[in-house]
Amino acid sequence: MSWWIGYAELYFTAKRCPELDIPTFKEALAWFDTMAEKRNFGK
């Protein structure tokens, strides 16, 4: 299962869990959407 990390998309922020707020979470989701648009699945 350790090879699955190659397919993971990791997002790091300076904020930790107690101080993670809704705008920061939405920023992470927006980043993921941007990365998803660039994904080509090896084509």
N, C-alpha and C. Protein backbone atom coordinates (compact mmCIF):
# COMPACT_ATOMS: atom_id res chain seq x y z
N MET A 1 0.80 -1.20 0.00
CA MET A 1 0.00 0.00 0.00
C MET A 1 0.84 1.26 0.00
N SER A 2 2.10 1.16 0.34
CA SER A 2 2.93 2.36 0.39
C SER A 2 3.12 2.98 -0.99
N TRP A 3 2.93 2.23 -2.05
CA TRP A 3 3.08 2.77 -3.39
C TRP A 3 1.91 3.70 -3.75
N TRP A 4 0.82 3.66 -3.00
CA TRP A 4 -0.32 4.53 -3.27
C TRP A 4 0.02 5.99 -3.06
N ILE A 5 1.04 6.27 -2.26
CA ILE A 5 1.41 7.66 -2.01
C ILE A 5 1.82 8.35 -3.31
N GLY A 6 2.25 7.59 -4.29
CA GLY A 6 2.59 8.17 -5.58
C GLY A 6 1.39 8.78 -6.29
N TYR A 7 0.20 8.35 -5.94
CA TYR A 7 -1.02 8.87 -6.53
C TYR A 7 -1.71 9.89 -5.65
N ALA A 8 -1.15 10.15 -4.50
CA ALA A 8 -1.76 11.10 -3.56
C ALA A 8 -1.43 12.53 -3.96
N GLU A 9 -2.34 13.43 -3.67
CA GLU A 9 -2.10 14.85 -3.86
C GLU A 9 -2.15 15.48 -2.48
N LEU A 10 -1.01 15.94 -2.01
CA LEU A 10 -0.88 16.44 -0.65
C LEU A 10 -0.91 17.96 -0.65
N TYR A 11 -1.60 18.52 0.31
CA TYR A 11 -1.69 19.97 0.46
C TYR A 11 -1.25 20.30 1.87
N PHE A 12 -0.29 21.19 2.00
CA PHE A 12 0.22 21.59 3.31
C PHE A 12 -0.12 23.05 3.56
N THR A 13 -0.48 23.35 4.79
CA THR A 13 -0.76 24.71 5.20
C THR A 13 -0.06 24.99 6.52
N ALA A 14 0.19 26.24 6.79
CA ALA A 14 0.86 26.61 8.04
C ALA A 14 -0.07 26.49 9.24
N LYS A 15 -1.37 26.47 8.98
CA LYS A 15 -2.34 26.38 10.07
C LYS A 15 -2.52 24.94 10.52
N ARG A 16 -2.67 24.77 11.80
CA ARG A 16 -2.92 23.44 12.36
C ARG A 16 -4.41 23.26 12.58
N CYS A 17 -4.79 22.07 12.95
CA CYS A 17 -6.21 21.69 13.02
C CYS A 17 -7.08 22.64 13.85
N PRO A 18 -6.73 23.01 15.06
CA PRO A 18 -7.65 23.88 15.80
C PRO A 18 -7.86 25.24 15.15
N GLU A 19 -6.86 25.76 14.46
CA GLU A 19 -7.00 27.09 13.86
C GLU A 19 -7.34 27.03 12.37
N LEU A 20 -7.54 25.84 11.84
CA LEU A 20 -7.94 25.69 10.44
C LEU A 20 -9.39 26.16 10.31
N ASP A 21 -9.61 27.18 9.48
CA ASP A 21 -10.95 27.75 9.36
C ASP A 21 -11.55 27.44 7.98
N ILE A 22 -12.78 27.84 7.80
CA ILE A 22 -13.52 27.55 6.57
C ILE A 22 -12.83 28.15 5.33
N PRO A 23 -12.40 29.43 5.36
CA PRO A 23 -11.73 29.96 4.17
C PRO A 23 -10.46 29.20 3.79
N THR A 24 -9.70 28.77 4.77
CA THR A 24 -8.48 28.01 4.48
C THR A 24 -8.84 26.65 3.89
N PHE A 25 -9.89 26.03 4.40
CA PHE A 25 -10.33 24.75 3.87
C PHE A 25 -10.82 24.91 2.43
N LYS A 26 -11.55 25.99 2.16
CA LYS A 26 -12.02 26.24 0.80
C LYS A 26 -10.86 26.52 -0.15
N GLU A 27 -9.81 27.15 0.37
CA GLU A 27 -8.61 27.38 -0.43
C GLU A 27 -7.96 26.05 -0.81
N ALA A 28 -7.93 25.12 0.12
CA ALA A 28 -7.38 23.80 -0.16
C ALA A 28 -8.22 23.07 -1.21
N LEU A 29 -9.53 23.19 -1.11
CA LEU A 29 -10.41 22.55 -2.11
C LEU A 29 -10.22 23.18 -3.48
N ALA A 30 -10.05 24.50 -3.52
CA ALA A 30 -9.81 25.18 -4.80
C ALA A 30 -8.49 24.72 -5.41
N TRP A 31 -7.48 24.53 -4.57
CA TRP A 31 -6.19 24.02 -5.05
C TRP A 31 -6.37 22.63 -5.65
N PHE A 32 -7.14 21.79 -4.96
CA PHE A 32 -7.37 20.43 -5.46
C PHE A 32 -8.10 20.46 -6.80
N ASP A 33 -9.09 21.34 -6.94
CA ASP A 33 -9.80 21.46 -8.22
C ASP A 33 -8.85 21.88 -9.33
N THR A 34 -7.94 22.80 -9.03
CA THR A 34 -6.96 23.24 -10.02
C THR A 34 -6.05 22.09 -10.43
N MET A 35 -5.61 21.31 -9.46
CA MET A 35 -4.75 20.17 -9.77
C MET A 35 -5.51 19.10 -10.56
N ALA A 36 -6.80 18.93 -10.25
CA ALA A 36 -7.61 17.93 -10.94
C ALA A 36 -7.77 18.28 -12.42
N GLU A 37 -7.84 19.58 -12.73
CA GLU A 37 -7.96 20.00 -14.12
C GLU A 37 -6.69 19.70 -14.91
N LYS A 38 -5.55 19.71 -14.23
CA LYS A 38 -4.26 19.48 -14.90
C LYS A 38 -3.94 18.00 -15.03
N ARG A 39 -4.67 17.15 -14.35
CA ARG A 39 -4.40 15.72 -14.35
C ARG A 39 -4.71 15.12 -15.72
N ASN A 40 -3.82 14.29 -16.24
CA ASN A 40 -4.06 13.68 -17.55
C ASN A 40 -4.01 12.15 -17.50
N PHE A 41 -3.79 11.57 -16.34
CA PHE A 41 -3.80 10.12 -16.15
C PHE A 41 -2.85 9.40 -17.11
N GLY A 42 -1.67 9.99 -17.32
CA GLY A 42 -0.64 9.34 -18.11
C GLY A 42 -0.78 9.46 -19.62
N LYS A 43 -1.71 10.27 -20.07
CA LYS A 43 -1.92 10.41 -21.52
C LYS A 43 -0.94 11.40 -22.10
